[in-house]
Amino acid sequence: MSEHSIIDICVEPIELYKLLKISNIVGGGEAKTMISEGNILVNNKVEVQKRKKIRKGDIIGYKGETFEVAYNPSKKSAEFISTVVSATKNSKHKKRAKSKAPVNSLESAKKPSAERSKSKSASV
């Protein structure tokens, strides 16, 4: 069996596209494209899920090179931390935007029914 390069991760599991960006296997903008085009192997199988959960012991393949994932919680690079923080902020922002829409529609749905009950009680 051939020797693998080691990629240390400090958070487990990690999404595949984040791992590729942090480890500099591909550039930041290329990671999702490379995955969706089927250019990345995970454990010797073509992987097209950008958010595939990667754990220690997984083998990543790209352009004939193989990388083994190792868990090392003490190695947190500045790039990794900024990537995780920005991804977390983006997901929170999206969740907030989605949660506000139903509240507004519920409020507008409640108003007509309240007005209806007032008009019914006034006419009765």
N, C-alpha and C. Protein backbone atom coordinates (compact mmCIF):
# COMPACT_ATOMS: atom_id res chain seq x y z
N MET A 1 0.84 -1.17 0.00
CA MET A 1 0.00 0.00 0.00
C MET A 1 0.88 1.24 0.00
N SER A 2 0.46 2.26 -0.74
CA SER A 2 1.29 3.46 -0.86
C SER A 2 1.15 4.35 0.37
N GLU A 3 2.13 5.20 0.54
CA GLU A 3 2.16 6.14 1.65
C GLU A 3 1.24 7.32 1.35
N HIS A 4 0.46 7.73 2.35
CA HIS A 4 -0.47 8.84 2.20
C HIS A 4 0.09 10.07 2.89
N SER A 5 -0.21 11.24 2.34
CA SER A 5 0.04 12.47 3.06
C SER A 5 -1.02 12.57 4.13
N ILE A 6 -0.70 13.25 5.22
CA ILE A 6 -1.63 13.36 6.34
C ILE A 6 -2.25 14.76 6.36
N ILE A 7 -3.56 14.81 6.56
CA ILE A 7 -4.27 16.07 6.76
C ILE A 7 -4.81 16.05 8.18
N ASP A 8 -4.33 16.97 9.00
CA ASP A 8 -4.81 17.05 10.38
C ASP A 8 -6.06 17.91 10.43
N ILE A 9 -7.09 17.40 11.08
CA ILE A 9 -8.30 18.20 11.30
C ILE A 9 -8.47 18.37 12.80
N CYS A 10 -9.04 19.51 13.19
CA CYS A 10 -9.22 19.77 14.62
C CYS A 10 -10.68 19.69 15.03
N VAL A 11 -11.57 19.48 14.06
CA VAL A 11 -13.00 19.31 14.32
C VAL A 11 -13.45 18.08 13.56
N GLU A 12 -14.19 17.23 14.24
CA GLU A 12 -14.68 16.02 13.58
C GLU A 12 -16.17 15.88 13.84
N PRO A 13 -16.98 15.62 12.86
CA PRO A 13 -16.65 15.52 11.43
C PRO A 13 -16.50 16.91 10.82
N ILE A 14 -15.92 16.94 9.62
CA ILE A 14 -15.77 18.18 8.87
C ILE A 14 -16.34 17.94 7.48
N GLU A 15 -16.94 18.96 6.90
CA GLU A 15 -17.52 18.81 5.57
C GLU A 15 -16.41 18.77 4.53
N LEU A 16 -16.62 17.96 3.50
CA LEU A 16 -15.60 17.72 2.50
C LEU A 16 -15.08 19.00 1.85
N TYR A 17 -15.97 19.89 1.43
CA TYR A 17 -15.50 21.10 0.75
C TYR A 17 -14.66 21.98 1.68
N LYS A 18 -14.97 22.00 2.98
CA LYS A 18 -14.18 22.77 3.93
C LYS A 18 -12.79 22.15 4.09
N LEU A 19 -12.75 20.82 4.15
CA LEU A 19 -11.48 20.12 4.28
C LEU A 19 -10.57 20.43 3.09
N LEU A 20 -11.13 20.41 1.89
CA LEU A 20 -10.33 20.68 0.70
C LEU A 20 -9.79 22.11 0.71
N LYS A 21 -10.60 23.07 1.15
CA LYS A 21 -10.15 24.46 1.20
C LYS A 21 -9.09 24.66 2.27
N ILE A 22 -9.32 24.14 3.45
CA ILE A 22 -8.41 24.34 4.57
C ILE A 22 -7.05 23.68 4.32
N SER A 23 -7.07 22.50 3.73
CA SER A 23 -5.82 21.77 3.50
C SER A 23 -5.10 22.23 2.24
N ASN A 24 -5.68 23.18 1.52
CA ASN A 24 -5.10 23.73 0.29
C ASN A 24 -4.89 22.68 -0.80
N ILE A 25 -5.72 21.64 -0.80
CA ILE A 25 -5.68 20.66 -1.89
C ILE A 25 -6.16 21.35 -3.16
N VAL A 26 -7.21 22.15 -3.03
CA VAL A 26 -7.70 22.99 -4.13
C VAL A 26 -7.94 24.39 -3.57
N GLY A 27 -8.08 25.36 -4.45
CA GLY A 27 -8.35 26.73 -4.02
C GLY A 27 -9.74 26.85 -3.44
N GLY A 28 -9.98 27.93 -2.72
CA GLY A 28 -11.24 28.15 -2.04
C GLY A 28 -12.46 28.08 -2.94
N GLY A 29 -12.40 28.71 -4.10
CA GLY A 29 -13.53 28.71 -5.00
C GLY A 29 -13.69 27.43 -5.79
N GLU A 30 -12.65 26.63 -5.84
CA GLU A 30 -12.66 25.41 -6.65
C GLU A 30 -13.24 24.20 -5.93
N ALA A 31 -13.26 24.20 -4.63
CA ALA A 31 -13.60 22.99 -3.87
C ALA A 31 -14.96 22.42 -4.26
N LYS A 32 -15.98 23.24 -4.23
CA LYS A 32 -17.33 22.73 -4.54
C LYS A 32 -17.42 22.28 -6.00
N THR A 33 -16.76 23.00 -6.90
CA THR A 33 -16.77 22.63 -8.31
C THR A 33 -16.10 21.28 -8.53
N MET A 34 -14.94 21.09 -7.92
CA MET A 34 -14.20 19.83 -8.08
C MET A 34 -15.04 18.65 -7.56
N ILE A 35 -15.74 18.87 -6.47
CA ILE A 35 -16.56 17.79 -5.91
C ILE A 35 -17.74 17.49 -6.83
N SER A 36 -18.45 18.53 -7.26
CA SER A 36 -19.64 18.31 -8.10
C SER A 36 -19.29 17.71 -9.45
N GLU A 37 -18.09 17.95 -9.94
CA GLU A 37 -17.65 17.37 -11.21
C GLU A 37 -17.14 15.94 -11.05
N GLY A 38 -17.08 15.45 -9.82
CA GLY A 38 -16.65 14.06 -9.58
C GLY A 38 -15.15 13.87 -9.59
N ASN A 39 -14.39 14.92 -9.30
CA ASN A 39 -12.93 14.83 -9.31
C ASN A 39 -12.32 14.43 -7.97
N ILE A 40 -13.14 14.26 -6.95
CA ILE A 40 -12.64 13.93 -5.62
C ILE A 40 -13.10 12.53 -5.23
N LEU A 41 -12.16 11.77 -4.70
CA LEU A 41 -12.47 10.43 -4.20
C LEU A 41 -12.45 10.44 -2.68
N VAL A 42 -13.40 9.77 -2.07
CA VAL A 42 -13.40 9.57 -0.62
C VAL A 42 -13.46 8.07 -0.41
N ASN A 43 -12.43 7.54 0.22
CA ASN A 43 -12.30 6.10 0.44
C ASN A 43 -12.44 5.33 -0.87
N ASN A 44 -11.76 5.81 -1.90
CA ASN A 44 -11.67 5.19 -3.23
C ASN A 44 -12.99 5.17 -3.99
N LYS A 45 -13.93 6.03 -3.63
CA LYS A 45 -15.20 6.15 -4.36
C LYS A 45 -15.40 7.61 -4.74
N VAL A 46 -15.91 7.85 -5.94
CA VAL A 46 -16.20 9.20 -6.38
C VAL A 46 -17.25 9.80 -5.46
N GLU A 47 -16.98 11.00 -4.96
CA GLU A 47 -17.91 11.67 -4.05
C GLU A 47 -18.39 12.97 -4.67
N VAL A 48 -19.70 13.16 -4.71
CA VAL A 48 -20.28 14.39 -5.27
C VAL A 48 -21.05 15.20 -4.23
N GLN A 49 -21.06 14.74 -3.00
CA GLN A 49 -21.71 15.50 -1.92
C GLN A 49 -20.72 16.50 -1.35
N LYS A 50 -21.01 17.78 -1.53
CA LYS A 50 -20.10 18.83 -1.05
C LYS A 50 -19.98 18.82 0.46
N ARG A 51 -21.07 18.49 1.13
CA ARG A 51 -21.09 18.53 2.59
C ARG A 51 -20.92 17.14 3.23
N LYS A 52 -20.34 16.22 2.48
CA LYS A 52 -20.07 14.88 2.99
C LYS A 52 -19.24 14.99 4.26
N LYS A 53 -19.66 14.32 5.31
CA LYS A 53 -18.96 14.36 6.59
C LYS A 53 -17.71 13.49 6.53
N ILE A 54 -16.58 14.11 6.80
CA ILE A 54 -15.29 13.42 6.76
C ILE A 54 -14.79 13.26 8.18
N ARG A 55 -14.28 12.07 8.47
CA ARG A 55 -13.79 11.75 9.81
C ARG A 55 -12.37 11.20 9.73
N LYS A 56 -11.73 11.07 10.89
CA LYS A 56 -10.37 10.52 10.91
C LYS A 56 -10.35 9.15 10.27
N GLY A 57 -9.28 8.88 9.55
CA GLY A 57 -9.14 7.60 8.88
C GLY A 57 -9.65 7.58 7.45
N ASP A 58 -10.46 8.57 7.07
CA ASP A 58 -10.94 8.64 5.69
C ASP A 58 -9.77 8.97 4.76
N ILE A 59 -9.85 8.45 3.55
CA ILE A 59 -8.82 8.68 2.53
C ILE A 59 -9.41 9.56 1.44
N ILE A 60 -8.75 10.68 1.15
CA ILE A 60 -9.19 11.62 0.13
C ILE A 60 -8.25 11.49 -1.06
N GLY A 61 -8.80 11.38 -2.26
CA GLY A 61 -7.99 11.28 -3.46
C GLY A 61 -8.29 12.41 -4.42
N TYR A 62 -7.21 12.99 -4.99
CA TYR A 62 -7.36 14.07 -5.97
C TYR A 62 -6.15 14.06 -6.88
N LYS A 63 -6.38 13.95 -8.19
CA LYS A 63 -5.32 13.95 -9.21
C LYS A 63 -4.21 12.96 -8.91
N GLY A 64 -4.60 11.75 -8.52
CA GLY A 64 -3.61 10.70 -8.28
C GLY A 64 -2.93 10.77 -6.92
N GLU A 65 -3.15 11.83 -6.16
CA GLU A 65 -2.57 11.93 -4.82
C GLU A 65 -3.59 11.46 -3.80
N THR A 66 -3.11 10.88 -2.71
CA THR A 66 -4.01 10.45 -1.65
C THR A 66 -3.61 11.11 -0.33
N PHE A 67 -4.62 11.44 0.43
CA PHE A 67 -4.42 12.10 1.71
C PHE A 67 -5.23 11.37 2.76
N GLU A 68 -4.60 11.07 3.89
CA GLU A 68 -5.32 10.43 4.99
C GLU A 68 -5.68 11.49 6.01
N VAL A 69 -6.90 11.41 6.52
CA VAL A 69 -7.39 12.39 7.48
C VAL A 69 -7.06 11.89 8.89
N ALA A 70 -6.42 12.76 9.67
CA ALA A 70 -6.09 12.44 11.06
C ALA A 70 -6.70 13.50 11.96
N TYR A 71 -7.21 13.08 13.10
CA TYR A 71 -7.83 14.00 14.05
C TYR A 71 -6.78 14.50 15.04
N ASN A 72 -6.58 15.81 15.06
CA ASN A 72 -5.62 16.42 15.97
C ASN A 72 -6.23 17.72 16.48
N PRO A 73 -6.97 17.69 17.59
CA PRO A 73 -7.70 18.87 18.05
C PRO A 73 -6.83 20.05 18.44
N SER A 74 -5.53 19.84 18.63
CA SER A 74 -4.66 20.96 19.04
C SER A 74 -4.20 21.80 17.86
N LYS A 75 -4.41 21.36 16.62
CA LYS A 75 -3.96 22.10 15.44
C LYS A 75 -5.11 22.88 14.83
N LYS A 76 -5.32 24.10 15.30
CA LYS A 76 -6.34 24.97 14.74
C LYS A 76 -5.66 26.12 14.04
N SER A 77 -5.73 26.12 12.72
CA SER A 77 -5.11 27.20 11.97
C SER A 77 -6.05 28.40 11.93
N ALA A 78 -5.49 29.57 11.69
CA ALA A 78 -6.30 30.79 11.59
C ALA A 78 -7.26 30.68 10.43
N GLU A 79 -6.83 30.09 9.33
CA GLU A 79 -7.70 29.93 8.16
C GLU A 79 -8.89 29.03 8.49
N PHE A 80 -8.61 27.95 9.23
CA PHE A 80 -9.69 27.04 9.61
C PHE A 80 -10.71 27.75 10.48
N ILE A 81 -10.23 28.46 11.47
CA ILE A 81 -11.14 29.15 12.39
C ILE A 81 -11.98 30.17 11.65
N SER A 82 -11.38 30.94 10.75
CA SER A 82 -12.15 31.94 10.02
C SER A 82 -13.16 31.28 9.08
N THR A 83 -12.82 30.15 8.49
CA THR A 83 -13.75 29.43 7.62
C THR A 83 -14.94 28.92 8.41
N VAL A 84 -14.69 28.35 9.56
CA VAL A 84 -15.78 27.82 10.39
C VAL A 84 -16.66 28.95 10.90
N VAL A 85 -16.04 30.05 11.34
CA VAL A 85 -16.80 31.18 11.86
C VAL A 85 -17.67 31.79 10.76
N SER A 86 -17.11 31.99 9.56
CA SER A 86 -17.91 32.59 8.48
C SER A 86 -19.02 31.65 8.03
N ALA A 87 -18.77 30.36 8.00
CA ALA A 87 -19.81 29.40 7.63
C ALA A 87 -20.92 29.39 8.67
N THR A 88 -20.56 29.50 9.93
CA THR A 88 -21.56 29.51 10.99
C THR A 88 -22.41 30.78 10.91
N LYS A 89 -21.77 31.92 10.68
CA LYS A 89 -22.51 33.17 10.55
C LYS A 89 -23.49 33.10 9.38
N ASN A 90 -23.03 32.58 8.25
CA ASN A 90 -23.90 32.48 7.07
C ASN A 90 -25.09 31.57 7.34
N SER A 91 -24.87 30.46 8.00
CA SER A 91 -25.98 29.54 8.26
C SER A 91 -26.97 30.15 9.25
N LYS A 92 -26.48 30.89 10.23
CA LYS A 92 -27.38 31.54 11.18
C LYS A 92 -28.20 32.61 10.48
N HIS A 93 -27.56 33.36 9.58
CA HIS A 93 -28.27 34.41 8.85
C HIS A 93 -29.38 33.81 7.99
N LYS A 94 -29.10 32.72 7.32
CA LYS A 94 -30.10 32.07 6.48
C LYS A 94 -31.25 31.54 7.33
N LYS A 95 -30.93 30.96 8.49
CA LYS A 95 -31.97 30.43 9.35
C LYS A 95 -32.88 31.55 9.85
N ARG A 96 -32.28 32.69 10.21
CA ARG A 96 -33.08 33.81 10.68
C ARG A 96 -34.01 34.30 9.58
N ALA A 97 -33.49 34.41 8.39
CA ALA A 97 -34.30 34.90 7.28
C ALA A 97 -35.47 33.97 7.02
N LYS A 98 -35.24 32.68 7.09
CA LYS A 98 -36.31 31.71 6.86
C LYS A 98 -37.32 31.74 7.99
N SER A 99 -36.86 31.92 9.22
CA SER A 99 -37.79 31.87 10.35
C SER A 99 -38.67 33.11 10.42
N LYS A 100 -38.22 34.24 9.88
CA LYS A 100 -39.02 35.46 9.92
C LYS A 100 -40.20 35.40 8.95
N ALA A 101 -40.01 34.79 7.82
CA ALA A 101 -41.07 34.77 6.81
C ALA A 101 -42.35 34.11 7.32
N PRO A 102 -42.30 32.94 7.93
CA PRO A 102 -43.54 32.33 8.42
C PRO A 102 -44.21 33.17 9.52
N VAL A 103 -43.42 33.84 10.36
CA VAL A 103 -44.00 34.65 11.43
C VAL A 103 -44.82 35.77 10.83
N ASN A 104 -44.28 36.46 9.81
CA ASN A 104 -45.00 37.55 9.18
C ASN A 104 -46.29 37.05 8.53
N SER A 105 -46.22 35.93 7.87
CA SER A 105 -47.41 35.42 7.20
C SER A 105 -48.46 34.97 8.23
N LEU A 106 -48.01 34.45 9.36
CA LEU A 106 -48.95 34.05 10.40
C LEU A 106 -49.63 35.27 11.00
N GLU A 107 -48.86 36.33 11.18
CA GLU A 107 -49.43 37.55 11.74
C GLU A 107 -50.47 38.13 10.79
N SER A 108 -50.17 38.13 9.51
CA SER A 108 -51.13 38.67 8.56
C SER A 108 -52.35 37.76 8.45
N ALA A 109 -52.16 36.46 8.65
CA ALA A 109 -53.29 35.54 8.61
C ALA A 109 -54.17 35.72 9.85
N LYS A 110 -53.57 36.09 10.97
CA LYS A 110 -54.33 36.28 12.20
C LYS A 110 -55.18 37.55 12.14
N LYS A 111 -54.67 38.59 11.50
CA LYS A 111 -55.38 39.87 11.47
C LYS A 111 -56.75 39.76 10.82
N PRO A 112 -56.88 39.15 9.66
CA PRO A 112 -58.21 39.06 9.07
C PRO A 112 -59.18 38.27 9.94
N SER A 113 -58.72 37.20 10.57
CA SER A 113 -59.62 36.41 11.41
C SER A 113 -60.05 37.22 12.62
N ALA A 114 -59.17 38.04 13.16
CA ALA A 114 -59.54 38.88 14.30
C ALA A 114 -60.57 39.91 13.85
N GLU A 115 -60.37 40.48 12.67
CA GLU A 115 -61.32 41.45 12.14
C GLU A 115 -62.67 40.78 11.87
N ARG A 116 -62.63 39.56 11.38
CA ARG A 116 -63.86 38.83 11.11
C ARG A 116 -64.65 38.60 12.40
N SER A 117 -63.95 38.22 13.46
CA SER A 117 -64.64 37.94 14.72
C SER A 117 -65.26 39.22 15.28
N LYS A 118 -64.57 40.36 15.08
CA LYS A 118 -65.12 41.63 15.54
C LYS A 118 -66.39 41.97 14.75
N SER A 119 -66.32 41.76 13.43
CA SER A 119 -67.49 42.09 12.61
C SER A 119 -68.65 41.16 12.90
N LYS A 120 -68.38 39.90 13.21
CA LYS A 120 -69.45 38.95 13.55
C LYS A 120 -70.08 39.33 14.88
N SER A 121 -69.24 39.69 15.87
CA SER A 121 -69.80 40.03 17.18
C SER A 121 -70.60 41.34 17.10
N ALA A 122 -70.20 42.24 16.22
CA ALA A 122 -70.90 43.51 16.09
C ALA A 122 -72.25 43.30 15.40
N SER A 123 -72.32 42.37 14.44
CA SER A 123 -73.56 42.15 13.72
C SER A 123 -74.54 41.27 14.47
N VAL A 124 -74.05 40.51 15.44
CA VAL A 124 -74.92 39.59 16.19
C VAL A 124 -75.72 40.25 17.21
